[in-house]
Amino acid sequence: MGYRFENGVFKGTCSESTFAAHLAWRDWGAPDASAYNLFGSAILKSSDGALLYGVMSDHTATAGMIYPPGGNLDPTDLTPEGKVDMIGAIYRELEEETGLTKDELRADRLLVAFDGPRIAIAQVFDTGRNAAELRENIIRFFGKLRRAGTGGCAHHQKPRGPEGPGHRALRPCDRRRAPALNHTISGACRRRCFVR
């Protein structure tokens, strides 16, 4: 995928691959230097200045890693004109992983983070809720998924721990455990990060 900025718009050509091919490309050190992994992330800010991140479940390809809600694009993220709806993809992932919907949030800045062969388009959201309330709402969402016996996405298939799949709090934001976040949240983590 080649990419460029034109008049403040991120443009490029995407090609579809299987998840297995993506994992092989990643695990082999991204041998094709012309290819990038483009994905969307939701940066959730609480009213008291915290950021919400999640610890990936043990059964995922990125087990134990710390990320904001988000993920890779899929074919449903294409418009009828064949363009990638990046913001729509971010909202889709956000609802699948947290239960939060577009109507509950206020969109803030849109960021682009480059990390070697990875490109994250990150939408910052003001949640209007304090960190404890936000965390509890998401934990309740995971509880509903567990009681229903299903999950909205792969992260929810095997809940772990009493609070849901991999949820715990990190205080303060420990960038040694989450080096990939340095590009995304540089200077933004003033208080603490809630995860799990």
N, C-alpha and C. Protein backbone atom coordinates (compact mmCIF):
# COMPACT_ATOMS: atom_id res chain seq x y z
N MET A 1 0.85 -1.18 0.00
CA MET A 1 0.00 0.00 0.00
C MET A 1 0.89 1.23 0.00
N GLY A 2 0.91 1.99 -1.06
CA GLY A 2 1.56 3.28 -1.06
C GLY A 2 0.61 4.29 -0.44
N TYR A 3 1.15 5.35 0.17
CA TYR A 3 0.26 6.33 0.77
C TYR A 3 0.85 7.73 0.60
N ARG A 4 -0.02 8.73 0.78
CA ARG A 4 0.38 10.13 0.66
C ARG A 4 -0.69 10.99 1.34
N PHE A 5 -0.34 12.22 1.59
CA PHE A 5 -1.30 13.21 2.08
C PHE A 5 -1.58 14.18 0.95
N GLU A 6 -2.84 14.41 0.68
CA GLU A 6 -3.25 15.40 -0.33
C GLU A 6 -4.27 16.32 0.31
N ASN A 7 -3.92 17.59 0.44
CA ASN A 7 -4.82 18.58 1.02
C ASN A 7 -5.38 18.12 2.37
N GLY A 8 -4.52 17.57 3.20
CA GLY A 8 -4.92 17.12 4.53
C GLY A 8 -5.66 15.80 4.56
N VAL A 9 -5.74 15.11 3.43
CA VAL A 9 -6.43 13.83 3.35
C VAL A 9 -5.41 12.72 3.16
N PHE A 10 -5.52 11.67 3.94
CA PHE A 10 -4.65 10.49 3.83
C PHE A 10 -5.17 9.64 2.69
N LYS A 11 -4.32 9.38 1.69
CA LYS A 11 -4.74 8.60 0.52
C LYS A 11 -3.75 7.49 0.28
N GLY A 12 -4.25 6.40 -0.26
CA GLY A 12 -3.40 5.28 -0.61
C GLY A 12 -4.20 4.20 -1.29
N THR A 13 -3.54 3.13 -1.63
CA THR A 13 -4.17 1.99 -2.26
C THR A 13 -4.07 0.82 -1.31
N CYS A 14 -5.20 0.21 -1.02
CA CYS A 14 -5.24 -0.93 -0.11
C CYS A 14 -5.46 -2.20 -0.91
N SER A 15 -4.96 -3.28 -0.39
CA SER A 15 -5.26 -4.59 -0.97
C SER A 15 -5.69 -5.51 0.16
N GLU A 16 -6.59 -6.40 -0.16
CA GLU A 16 -7.13 -7.31 0.84
C GLU A 16 -6.22 -8.52 0.99
N SER A 17 -6.08 -8.98 2.21
CA SER A 17 -5.34 -10.23 2.46
C SER A 17 -6.08 -11.02 3.53
N THR A 18 -5.76 -12.27 3.63
CA THR A 18 -6.34 -13.08 4.70
C THR A 18 -5.64 -12.70 6.00
N PHE A 19 -6.28 -13.02 7.10
CA PHE A 19 -5.65 -12.75 8.39
C PHE A 19 -4.40 -13.59 8.55
N ALA A 20 -4.43 -14.82 8.05
CA ALA A 20 -3.25 -15.70 8.12
C ALA A 20 -2.08 -15.08 7.36
N ALA A 21 -2.34 -14.52 6.18
CA ALA A 21 -1.28 -13.87 5.41
C ALA A 21 -0.76 -12.64 6.15
N HIS A 22 -1.66 -11.91 6.77
CA HIS A 22 -1.24 -10.74 7.56
C HIS A 22 -0.32 -11.17 8.70
N LEU A 23 -0.70 -12.23 9.42
CA LEU A 23 0.13 -12.69 10.54
C LEU A 23 1.49 -13.17 10.06
N ALA A 24 1.52 -13.86 8.92
CA ALA A 24 2.81 -14.31 8.39
C ALA A 24 3.67 -13.11 8.04
N TRP A 25 3.11 -12.12 7.36
CA TRP A 25 3.84 -10.89 7.02
C TRP A 25 4.40 -10.23 8.28
N ARG A 26 3.55 -10.13 9.30
CA ARG A 26 3.97 -9.51 10.57
C ARG A 26 5.07 -10.33 11.25
N ASP A 27 4.84 -11.63 11.37
CA ASP A 27 5.79 -12.50 12.09
C ASP A 27 7.12 -12.64 11.37
N TRP A 28 7.12 -12.46 10.06
CA TRP A 28 8.37 -12.54 9.29
C TRP A 28 9.07 -11.19 9.22
N GLY A 29 8.61 -10.22 10.01
CA GLY A 29 9.26 -8.92 10.07
C GLY A 29 8.89 -7.98 8.94
N ALA A 30 7.68 -8.12 8.40
CA ALA A 30 7.19 -7.25 7.32
C ALA A 30 8.18 -7.18 6.17
N PRO A 31 8.46 -8.33 5.52
CA PRO A 31 9.52 -8.37 4.50
C PRO A 31 9.24 -7.53 3.26
N ASP A 32 7.98 -7.27 2.95
CA ASP A 32 7.66 -6.43 1.80
C ASP A 32 7.59 -4.98 2.28
N ALA A 33 8.65 -4.22 2.01
CA ALA A 33 8.74 -2.85 2.51
C ALA A 33 7.71 -1.92 1.88
N SER A 34 7.05 -2.35 0.83
CA SER A 34 6.04 -1.49 0.21
C SER A 34 4.66 -1.71 0.83
N ALA A 35 4.55 -2.67 1.75
CA ALA A 35 3.26 -2.98 2.38
C ALA A 35 3.23 -2.44 3.81
N TYR A 36 2.06 -1.97 4.21
CA TYR A 36 1.85 -1.45 5.56
C TYR A 36 0.56 -2.05 6.12
N ASN A 37 0.49 -2.14 7.43
CA ASN A 37 -0.73 -2.56 8.10
C ASN A 37 -1.47 -1.30 8.52
N LEU A 38 -2.57 -1.00 7.85
CA LEU A 38 -3.39 0.17 8.16
C LEU A 38 -4.54 -0.28 9.05
N PHE A 39 -4.71 0.39 10.18
CA PHE A 39 -5.79 0.02 11.10
C PHE A 39 -6.31 1.25 11.81
N GLY A 40 -7.47 1.12 12.43
CA GLY A 40 -8.10 2.21 13.15
C GLY A 40 -8.09 1.99 14.65
N SER A 41 -8.00 3.08 15.39
CA SER A 41 -8.01 3.03 16.85
C SER A 41 -8.91 4.14 17.40
N ALA A 42 -9.51 3.87 18.55
CA ALA A 42 -10.32 4.86 19.26
C ALA A 42 -9.59 5.22 20.55
N ILE A 43 -9.24 6.47 20.69
CA ILE A 43 -8.58 6.95 21.91
C ILE A 43 -9.68 7.54 22.78
N LEU A 44 -10.02 6.84 23.86
CA LEU A 44 -11.12 7.26 24.74
C LEU A 44 -10.58 8.05 25.92
N LYS A 45 -11.01 9.31 26.02
CA LYS A 45 -10.62 10.17 27.14
C LYS A 45 -11.79 10.32 28.09
N SER A 46 -11.52 10.09 29.37
CA SER A 46 -12.57 10.28 30.38
C SER A 46 -12.62 11.75 30.77
N SER A 47 -13.71 12.14 31.43
CA SER A 47 -13.86 13.54 31.84
C SER A 47 -12.82 13.95 32.88
N ASP A 48 -12.22 12.95 33.57
CA ASP A 48 -11.18 13.28 34.55
C ASP A 48 -9.77 13.01 34.03
N GLY A 49 -9.62 12.96 32.70
CA GLY A 49 -8.30 12.93 32.08
C GLY A 49 -7.65 11.59 31.87
N ALA A 50 -8.35 10.49 32.12
CA ALA A 50 -7.77 9.17 31.90
C ALA A 50 -8.00 8.72 30.46
N LEU A 51 -7.17 7.80 30.02
CA LEU A 51 -7.31 7.17 28.71
C LEU A 51 -7.63 5.70 28.94
N LEU A 52 -8.48 5.12 28.09
CA LEU A 52 -8.85 3.72 28.24
C LEU A 52 -8.13 2.87 27.21
N TYR A 53 -7.48 1.81 27.68
CA TYR A 53 -6.81 0.84 26.82
C TYR A 53 -7.22 -0.56 27.26
N GLY A 54 -6.98 -1.54 26.40
CA GLY A 54 -7.31 -2.92 26.74
C GLY A 54 -6.10 -3.82 26.62
N VAL A 55 -6.10 -4.85 27.43
CA VAL A 55 -5.09 -5.90 27.34
C VAL A 55 -5.70 -7.01 26.50
N MET A 56 -5.01 -7.40 25.44
CA MET A 56 -5.54 -8.42 24.54
C MET A 56 -5.60 -9.78 25.25
N SER A 57 -6.66 -10.51 24.99
CA SER A 57 -6.89 -11.81 25.61
C SER A 57 -5.84 -12.82 25.17
N ASP A 58 -5.66 -13.85 25.98
CA ASP A 58 -4.64 -14.87 25.73
C ASP A 58 -4.82 -15.59 24.40
N HIS A 59 -6.03 -15.71 23.91
CA HIS A 59 -6.28 -16.48 22.68
C HIS A 59 -6.11 -15.65 21.40
N THR A 60 -5.74 -14.39 21.50
CA THR A 60 -5.58 -13.56 20.31
C THR A 60 -4.14 -13.60 19.80
N ALA A 61 -3.95 -13.10 18.59
CA ALA A 61 -2.62 -13.07 17.96
C ALA A 61 -1.69 -12.07 18.64
N THR A 62 -2.26 -11.19 19.44
CA THR A 62 -1.46 -10.17 20.14
C THR A 62 -1.67 -10.28 21.65
N ALA A 63 -1.75 -11.48 22.14
CA ALA A 63 -2.03 -11.75 23.56
C ALA A 63 -1.11 -10.95 24.48
N GLY A 64 -1.73 -10.29 25.46
CA GLY A 64 -0.98 -9.55 26.47
C GLY A 64 -0.58 -8.15 26.05
N MET A 65 -0.73 -7.82 24.79
CA MET A 65 -0.37 -6.47 24.33
C MET A 65 -1.46 -5.49 24.77
N ILE A 66 -1.06 -4.24 24.87
CA ILE A 66 -1.97 -3.18 25.34
C ILE A 66 -2.28 -2.25 24.18
N TYR A 67 -3.57 -2.09 23.89
CA TYR A 67 -3.99 -1.27 22.77
C TYR A 67 -5.25 -0.48 23.14
N PRO A 68 -5.49 0.61 22.43
CA PRO A 68 -6.81 1.24 22.52
C PRO A 68 -7.80 0.37 21.73
N PRO A 69 -9.10 0.56 21.93
CA PRO A 69 -10.05 -0.19 21.12
C PRO A 69 -9.80 0.08 19.64
N GLY A 70 -9.87 -0.93 18.83
CA GLY A 70 -9.66 -0.76 17.40
C GLY A 70 -9.27 -2.06 16.75
N GLY A 71 -8.88 -1.98 15.49
CA GLY A 71 -8.46 -3.19 14.81
C GLY A 71 -8.30 -3.00 13.33
N ASN A 72 -7.99 -4.10 12.67
CA ASN A 72 -7.77 -4.09 11.23
C ASN A 72 -9.06 -3.83 10.48
N LEU A 73 -8.91 -3.37 9.28
CA LEU A 73 -10.05 -3.14 8.41
C LEU A 73 -10.60 -4.46 7.93
N ASP A 74 -11.88 -4.46 7.56
CA ASP A 74 -12.45 -5.64 6.92
C ASP A 74 -13.31 -5.17 5.74
N PRO A 75 -13.73 -6.09 4.89
CA PRO A 75 -14.46 -5.69 3.67
C PRO A 75 -15.71 -4.86 3.92
N THR A 76 -16.32 -4.98 5.10
CA THR A 76 -17.52 -4.17 5.38
C THR A 76 -17.17 -2.70 5.59
N ASP A 77 -15.89 -2.37 5.68
CA ASP A 77 -15.48 -0.98 5.87
C ASP A 77 -15.32 -0.22 4.56
N LEU A 78 -15.69 -0.84 3.44
CA LEU A 78 -15.63 -0.17 2.14
C LEU A 78 -16.97 0.48 1.82
N THR A 79 -16.89 1.68 1.23
CA THR A 79 -18.10 2.35 0.76
C THR A 79 -18.49 1.73 -0.58
N PRO A 80 -19.71 2.02 -1.07
CA PRO A 80 -20.10 1.50 -2.40
C PRO A 80 -19.15 1.97 -3.51
N GLU A 81 -18.46 3.10 -3.29
CA GLU A 81 -17.51 3.61 -4.29
C GLU A 81 -16.15 2.94 -4.18
N GLY A 82 -15.98 2.03 -3.21
CA GLY A 82 -14.71 1.33 -3.06
C GLY A 82 -13.69 2.06 -2.19
N LYS A 83 -14.12 3.10 -1.48
CA LYS A 83 -13.23 3.82 -0.58
C LYS A 83 -13.33 3.24 0.83
N VAL A 84 -12.24 3.33 1.56
CA VAL A 84 -12.24 2.84 2.94
C VAL A 84 -12.88 3.88 3.84
N ASP A 85 -13.89 3.46 4.60
CA ASP A 85 -14.53 4.34 5.58
C ASP A 85 -13.81 4.14 6.91
N MET A 86 -12.69 4.85 7.08
CA MET A 86 -11.84 4.67 8.26
C MET A 86 -12.59 5.03 9.54
N ILE A 87 -13.31 6.14 9.51
CA ILE A 87 -14.05 6.56 10.72
C ILE A 87 -15.14 5.53 11.04
N GLY A 88 -15.82 5.05 10.02
CA GLY A 88 -16.83 4.01 10.23
C GLY A 88 -16.21 2.74 10.82
N ALA A 89 -15.01 2.39 10.36
CA ALA A 89 -14.31 1.21 10.88
C ALA A 89 -13.97 1.41 12.36
N ILE A 90 -13.55 2.62 12.71
CA ILE A 90 -13.22 2.91 14.11
C ILE A 90 -14.47 2.78 14.98
N TYR A 91 -15.58 3.36 14.52
CA TYR A 91 -16.83 3.24 15.29
C TYR A 91 -17.27 1.78 15.40
N ARG A 92 -17.12 0.99 14.33
CA ARG A 92 -17.49 -0.42 14.35
C ARG A 92 -16.68 -1.16 15.41
N GLU A 93 -15.36 -1.00 15.37
CA GLU A 93 -14.49 -1.66 16.34
C GLU A 93 -14.81 -1.20 17.76
N LEU A 94 -15.03 0.09 17.93
CA LEU A 94 -15.32 0.64 19.25
C LEU A 94 -16.57 0.01 19.84
N GLU A 95 -17.63 -0.10 19.04
CA GLU A 95 -18.86 -0.70 19.55
C GLU A 95 -18.67 -2.19 19.83
N GLU A 96 -17.95 -2.91 18.94
CA GLU A 96 -17.71 -4.33 19.17
C GLU A 96 -16.92 -4.59 20.45
N GLU A 97 -15.96 -3.71 20.74
CA GLU A 97 -15.04 -3.97 21.85
C GLU A 97 -15.42 -3.31 23.16
N THR A 98 -16.30 -2.30 23.12
CA THR A 98 -16.64 -1.60 24.37
C THR A 98 -18.14 -1.46 24.59
N GLY A 99 -18.93 -1.61 23.54
CA GLY A 99 -20.36 -1.37 23.63
C GLY A 99 -20.72 0.10 23.47
N LEU A 100 -19.72 0.98 23.37
CA LEU A 100 -19.98 2.41 23.20
C LEU A 100 -20.38 2.70 21.76
N THR A 101 -21.34 3.61 21.60
CA THR A 101 -21.80 3.97 20.26
C THR A 101 -21.47 5.42 19.94
N LYS A 102 -21.60 5.74 18.67
CA LYS A 102 -21.31 7.08 18.15
C LYS A 102 -22.07 8.16 18.93
N ASP A 103 -23.31 7.88 19.28
CA ASP A 103 -24.16 8.87 19.95
C ASP A 103 -23.70 9.18 21.37
N GLU A 104 -22.89 8.32 21.97
CA GLU A 104 -22.44 8.50 23.35
C GLU A 104 -21.14 9.29 23.46
N LEU A 105 -20.52 9.62 22.35
CA LEU A 105 -19.18 10.20 22.37
C LEU A 105 -19.13 11.49 21.57
N ARG A 106 -18.12 12.31 21.88
CA ARG A 106 -17.86 13.51 21.08
C ARG A 106 -16.49 13.33 20.44
N ALA A 107 -16.48 13.32 19.10
CA ALA A 107 -15.22 13.17 18.37
C ALA A 107 -14.36 14.42 18.56
N ASP A 108 -13.09 14.21 18.79
CA ASP A 108 -12.11 15.28 18.96
C ASP A 108 -11.12 15.17 17.81
N ARG A 109 -9.84 15.23 18.09
CA ARG A 109 -8.81 15.21 17.05
C ARG A 109 -8.74 13.86 16.35
N LEU A 110 -8.28 13.90 15.11
CA LEU A 110 -7.98 12.71 14.35
C LEU A 110 -6.46 12.67 14.18
N LEU A 111 -5.85 11.55 14.57
CA LEU A 111 -4.39 11.42 14.56
C LEU A 111 -3.97 10.32 13.59
N VAL A 112 -2.76 10.46 13.08
CA VAL A 112 -2.14 9.40 12.29
C VAL A 112 -0.82 9.07 12.97
N ALA A 113 -0.60 7.80 13.27
CA ALA A 113 0.64 7.36 13.92
C ALA A 113 1.34 6.36 13.02
N PHE A 114 2.63 6.60 12.79
CA PHE A 114 3.44 5.69 11.98
C PHE A 114 4.40 4.95 12.91
N ASP A 115 4.39 3.63 12.82
CA ASP A 115 5.26 2.80 13.64
C ASP A 115 5.82 1.70 12.75
N GLY A 116 6.92 2.00 12.06
CA GLY A 116 7.50 1.05 11.12
C GLY A 116 6.49 0.71 10.04
N PRO A 117 6.14 -0.59 9.90
CA PRO A 117 5.20 -0.99 8.86
C PRO A 117 3.73 -0.84 9.25
N ARG A 118 3.47 -0.21 10.38
CA ARG A 118 2.10 -0.06 10.85
C ARG A 118 1.68 1.42 10.77
N ILE A 119 0.46 1.64 10.34
CA ILE A 119 -0.11 2.98 10.29
C ILE A 119 -1.45 2.95 11.01
N ALA A 120 -1.56 3.71 12.08
CA ALA A 120 -2.81 3.79 12.83
C ALA A 120 -3.49 5.12 12.55
N ILE A 121 -4.74 5.06 12.20
CA ILE A 121 -5.58 6.25 12.14
C ILE A 121 -6.36 6.22 13.45
N ALA A 122 -6.16 7.21 14.29
CA ALA A 122 -6.75 7.19 15.63
C ALA A 122 -7.69 8.38 15.81
N GLN A 123 -8.92 8.08 16.16
CA GLN A 123 -9.91 9.11 16.48
C GLN A 123 -9.93 9.28 17.99
N VAL A 124 -9.71 10.50 18.44
CA VAL A 124 -9.79 10.80 19.87
C VAL A 124 -11.25 11.12 20.19
N PHE A 125 -11.75 10.55 21.28
CA PHE A 125 -13.13 10.79 21.70
C PHE A 125 -13.17 11.29 23.13
N ASP A 126 -13.98 12.29 23.38
CA ASP A 126 -14.31 12.70 24.75
C ASP A 126 -15.55 11.90 25.13
N THR A 127 -15.45 11.19 26.24
CA THR A 127 -16.55 10.30 26.63
C THR A 127 -17.60 10.99 27.50
N GLY A 128 -17.22 12.08 28.18
CA GLY A 128 -18.16 12.74 29.07
C GLY A 128 -18.40 11.99 30.37
N ARG A 129 -17.65 10.92 30.60
CA ARG A 129 -17.79 10.12 31.83
C ARG A 129 -16.45 10.08 32.54
N ASN A 130 -16.49 9.97 33.86
CA ASN A 130 -15.22 9.82 34.56
C ASN A 130 -14.71 8.40 34.33
N ALA A 131 -13.43 8.19 34.62
CA ALA A 131 -12.78 6.92 34.31
C ALA A 131 -13.46 5.73 34.97
N ALA A 132 -13.83 5.87 36.24
CA ALA A 132 -14.44 4.75 36.95
C ALA A 132 -15.78 4.37 36.31
N GLU A 133 -16.60 5.38 35.97
CA GLU A 133 -17.90 5.13 35.35
C GLU A 133 -17.72 4.50 33.97
N LEU A 134 -16.79 5.01 33.20
CA LEU A 134 -16.52 4.48 31.86
C LEU A 134 -16.11 3.01 31.95
N ARG A 135 -15.20 2.73 32.84
CA ARG A 135 -14.72 1.36 33.04
C ARG A 135 -15.86 0.43 33.45
N GLU A 136 -16.68 0.87 34.39
CA GLU A 136 -17.81 0.04 34.85
C GLU A 136 -18.80 -0.23 33.72
N ASN A 137 -19.07 0.78 32.88
CA ASN A 137 -19.99 0.58 31.76
C ASN A 137 -19.46 -0.48 30.80
N ILE A 138 -18.16 -0.46 30.55
CA ILE A 138 -17.57 -1.43 29.63
C ILE A 138 -17.55 -2.81 30.27
N ILE A 139 -17.29 -2.89 31.55
CA ILE A 139 -17.33 -4.17 32.25
C ILE A 139 -18.75 -4.76 32.20
N ARG A 140 -19.77 -3.90 32.37
CA ARG A 140 -21.16 -4.37 32.24
C ARG A 140 -21.42 -4.91 30.84
N PHE A 141 -20.88 -4.24 29.83
CA PHE A 141 -21.02 -4.70 28.44
C PHE A 141 -20.45 -6.11 28.30
N PHE A 142 -19.25 -6.34 28.84
CA PHE A 142 -18.65 -7.67 28.78
C PHE A 142 -19.50 -8.69 29.53
N GLY A 143 -20.09 -8.28 30.64
CA GLY A 143 -20.97 -9.18 31.38
C GLY A 143 -22.17 -9.60 30.56
N LYS A 144 -22.75 -8.67 29.81
CA LYS A 144 -23.89 -9.00 28.94
C LYS A 144 -23.47 -9.99 27.87
N LEU A 145 -22.27 -9.79 27.30
CA LEU A 145 -21.79 -10.73 26.28
C LEU A 145 -21.61 -12.12 26.87
N ARG A 146 -21.06 -12.18 28.06
CA ARG A 146 -20.82 -13.47 28.71
C ARG A 146 -22.15 -14.16 29.00
N ARG A 147 -23.12 -13.41 29.53
CA ARG A 147 -24.42 -14.02 29.84
C ARG A 147 -25.13 -14.49 28.58
N ALA A 148 -24.93 -13.76 27.48
CA ALA A 148 -25.55 -14.15 26.21
C ALA A 148 -24.82 -15.33 25.57
N GLY A 149 -23.62 -15.61 26.06
CA GLY A 149 -22.85 -16.72 25.52
C GLY A 149 -22.22 -16.43 24.18
N THR A 150 -22.12 -15.17 23.84
CA THR A 150 -21.54 -14.78 22.56
C THR A 150 -20.77 -13.50 22.74
N GLY A 151 -19.99 -13.15 21.76
CA GLY A 151 -19.24 -11.91 21.79
C GLY A 151 -19.36 -11.20 20.47
N GLY A 152 -19.21 -9.89 20.49
CA GLY A 152 -19.28 -9.11 19.27
C GLY A 152 -18.03 -9.22 18.44
N CYS A 153 -16.92 -9.64 19.03
CA CYS A 153 -15.68 -9.79 18.27
C CYS A 153 -14.81 -10.83 18.96
N ALA A 154 -13.69 -11.14 18.35
CA ALA A 154 -12.82 -12.21 18.85
C ALA A 154 -12.35 -11.97 20.27
N HIS A 155 -12.20 -10.72 20.67
CA HIS A 155 -11.69 -10.43 22.01
C HIS A 155 -12.66 -10.90 23.09
N HIS A 156 -13.92 -11.03 22.75
CA HIS A 156 -14.94 -11.36 23.75
C HIS A 156 -15.26 -12.84 23.83
N GLN A 157 -14.66 -13.65 22.98
CA GLN A 157 -15.04 -15.05 22.93
C GLN A 157 -14.67 -15.83 24.18
N LYS A 158 -13.55 -15.52 24.80
CA LYS A 158 -13.12 -16.25 25.99
C LYS A 158 -12.84 -15.27 27.12
N PRO A 159 -13.88 -14.84 27.82
CA PRO A 159 -13.66 -13.89 28.91
C PRO A 159 -12.71 -14.45 29.95
N ARG A 160 -11.94 -13.56 30.56
CA ARG A 160 -11.00 -14.01 31.58
C ARG A 160 -11.12 -13.07 32.77
N GLY A 161 -11.02 -13.63 33.93
CA GLY A 161 -11.05 -12.82 35.14
C GLY A 161 -12.46 -12.41 35.51
N PRO A 162 -12.63 -11.88 36.71
CA PRO A 162 -13.97 -11.53 37.20
C PRO A 162 -14.55 -10.31 36.52
N GLU A 163 -13.72 -9.49 35.86
CA GLU A 163 -14.22 -8.25 35.30
C GLU A 163 -14.49 -8.34 33.82
N GLY A 164 -14.14 -9.42 33.16
CA GLY A 164 -14.31 -9.53 31.72
C GLY A 164 -12.98 -9.87 31.10
N PRO A 165 -12.92 -9.86 29.78
CA PRO A 165 -11.71 -10.32 29.10
C PRO A 165 -10.54 -9.36 29.29
N GLY A 166 -9.66 -9.69 30.20
CA GLY A 166 -8.41 -8.98 30.32
C GLY A 166 -8.47 -7.55 30.80
N HIS A 167 -9.40 -7.18 31.64
CA HIS A 167 -9.50 -5.79 32.09
C HIS A 167 -8.80 -5.56 33.41
N ARG A 168 -7.90 -4.62 33.44
CA ARG A 168 -7.26 -4.21 34.68
C ARG A 168 -6.79 -2.76 34.51
N ALA A 169 -6.43 -2.15 35.59
CA ALA A 169 -6.01 -0.75 35.53
C ALA A 169 -4.49 -0.65 35.56
N LEU A 170 -3.95 0.21 34.75
CA LEU A 170 -2.52 0.54 34.77
C LEU A 170 -2.39 1.93 35.36
N ARG A 171 -1.61 2.10 36.37
CA ARG A 171 -1.39 3.43 36.96
C ARG A 171 0.06 3.55 37.33
N PRO A 172 0.77 4.54 36.91
CA PRO A 172 0.44 5.48 35.83
C PRO A 172 0.62 4.79 34.48
N CYS A 173 0.42 5.52 33.41
CA CYS A 173 0.60 4.95 32.08
C CYS A 173 2.04 4.48 31.95
N ASP A 174 2.23 3.18 31.86
CA ASP A 174 3.55 2.59 31.82
C ASP A 174 3.94 2.32 30.38
N ARG A 175 4.66 3.24 29.76
CA ARG A 175 5.01 3.10 28.35
C ARG A 175 6.01 1.97 28.11
N ARG A 176 6.66 1.46 29.16
CA ARG A 176 7.55 0.30 28.96
C ARG A 176 6.73 -0.92 28.61
N ARG A 177 5.51 -1.03 29.15
CA ARG A 177 4.65 -2.18 28.83
C ARG A 177 3.89 -1.96 27.53
N ALA A 178 3.82 -0.73 27.07
CA ALA A 178 3.04 -0.42 25.88
C ALA A 178 3.85 0.48 24.94
N PRO A 179 4.99 0.00 24.43
CA PRO A 179 5.85 0.87 23.62
C PRO A 179 5.17 1.38 22.36
N ALA A 180 4.27 0.62 21.77
CA ALA A 180 3.62 1.07 20.54
C ALA A 180 2.75 2.29 20.79
N LEU A 181 2.35 2.52 22.03
CA LEU A 181 1.48 3.65 22.32
C LEU A 181 2.23 4.97 22.34
N ASN A 182 3.55 4.94 22.40
CA ASN A 182 4.30 6.19 22.46
C ASN A 182 3.95 7.10 21.29
N HIS A 183 3.77 6.53 20.11
CA HIS A 183 3.46 7.33 18.94
C HIS A 183 2.05 7.90 19.01
N THR A 184 1.14 7.12 19.54
CA THR A 184 -0.26 7.51 19.54
C THR A 184 -0.60 8.50 20.64
N ILE A 185 -0.03 8.32 21.82
CA ILE A 185 -0.48 9.15 22.94
C ILE A 185 0.63 10.03 23.50
N SER A 186 1.65 10.28 22.72
CA SER A 186 2.77 11.08 23.19
C SER A 186 2.27 12.35 23.87
N GLY A 187 2.56 12.48 25.14
CA GLY A 187 2.18 13.66 25.90
C GLY A 187 0.73 13.70 26.34
N ALA A 188 -0.07 12.72 25.93
CA ALA A 188 -1.51 12.79 26.23
C ALA A 188 -1.88 12.11 27.54
N CYS A 189 -1.03 11.25 28.06
CA CYS A 189 -1.39 10.49 29.26
C CYS A 189 -0.91 11.24 30.49
N ARG A 190 -1.77 12.06 31.03
CA ARG A 190 -1.40 12.89 32.17
C ARG A 190 -1.64 12.19 33.50
N ARG A 191 -2.62 11.31 33.58
CA ARG A 191 -2.99 10.75 34.87
C ARG A 191 -2.83 9.26 34.93
N ARG A 192 -3.67 8.52 34.26
CA ARG A 192 -3.62 7.07 34.35
C ARG A 192 -4.32 6.48 33.13
N CYS A 193 -4.06 5.26 32.87
CA CYS A 193 -4.74 4.53 31.80
C CYS A 193 -5.54 3.41 32.42
N PHE A 194 -6.77 3.26 32.01
CA PHE A 194 -7.58 2.14 32.47
C PHE A 194 -7.64 1.12 31.35
N VAL A 195 -7.37 -0.09 31.69
CA VAL A 195 -7.41 -1.17 30.72
C VAL A 195 -8.11 -2.36 31.32
N ARG A 196 -8.31 -3.36 30.52
CA ARG A 196 -8.89 -4.63 30.89
C ARG A 196 -10.32 -4.66 30.71
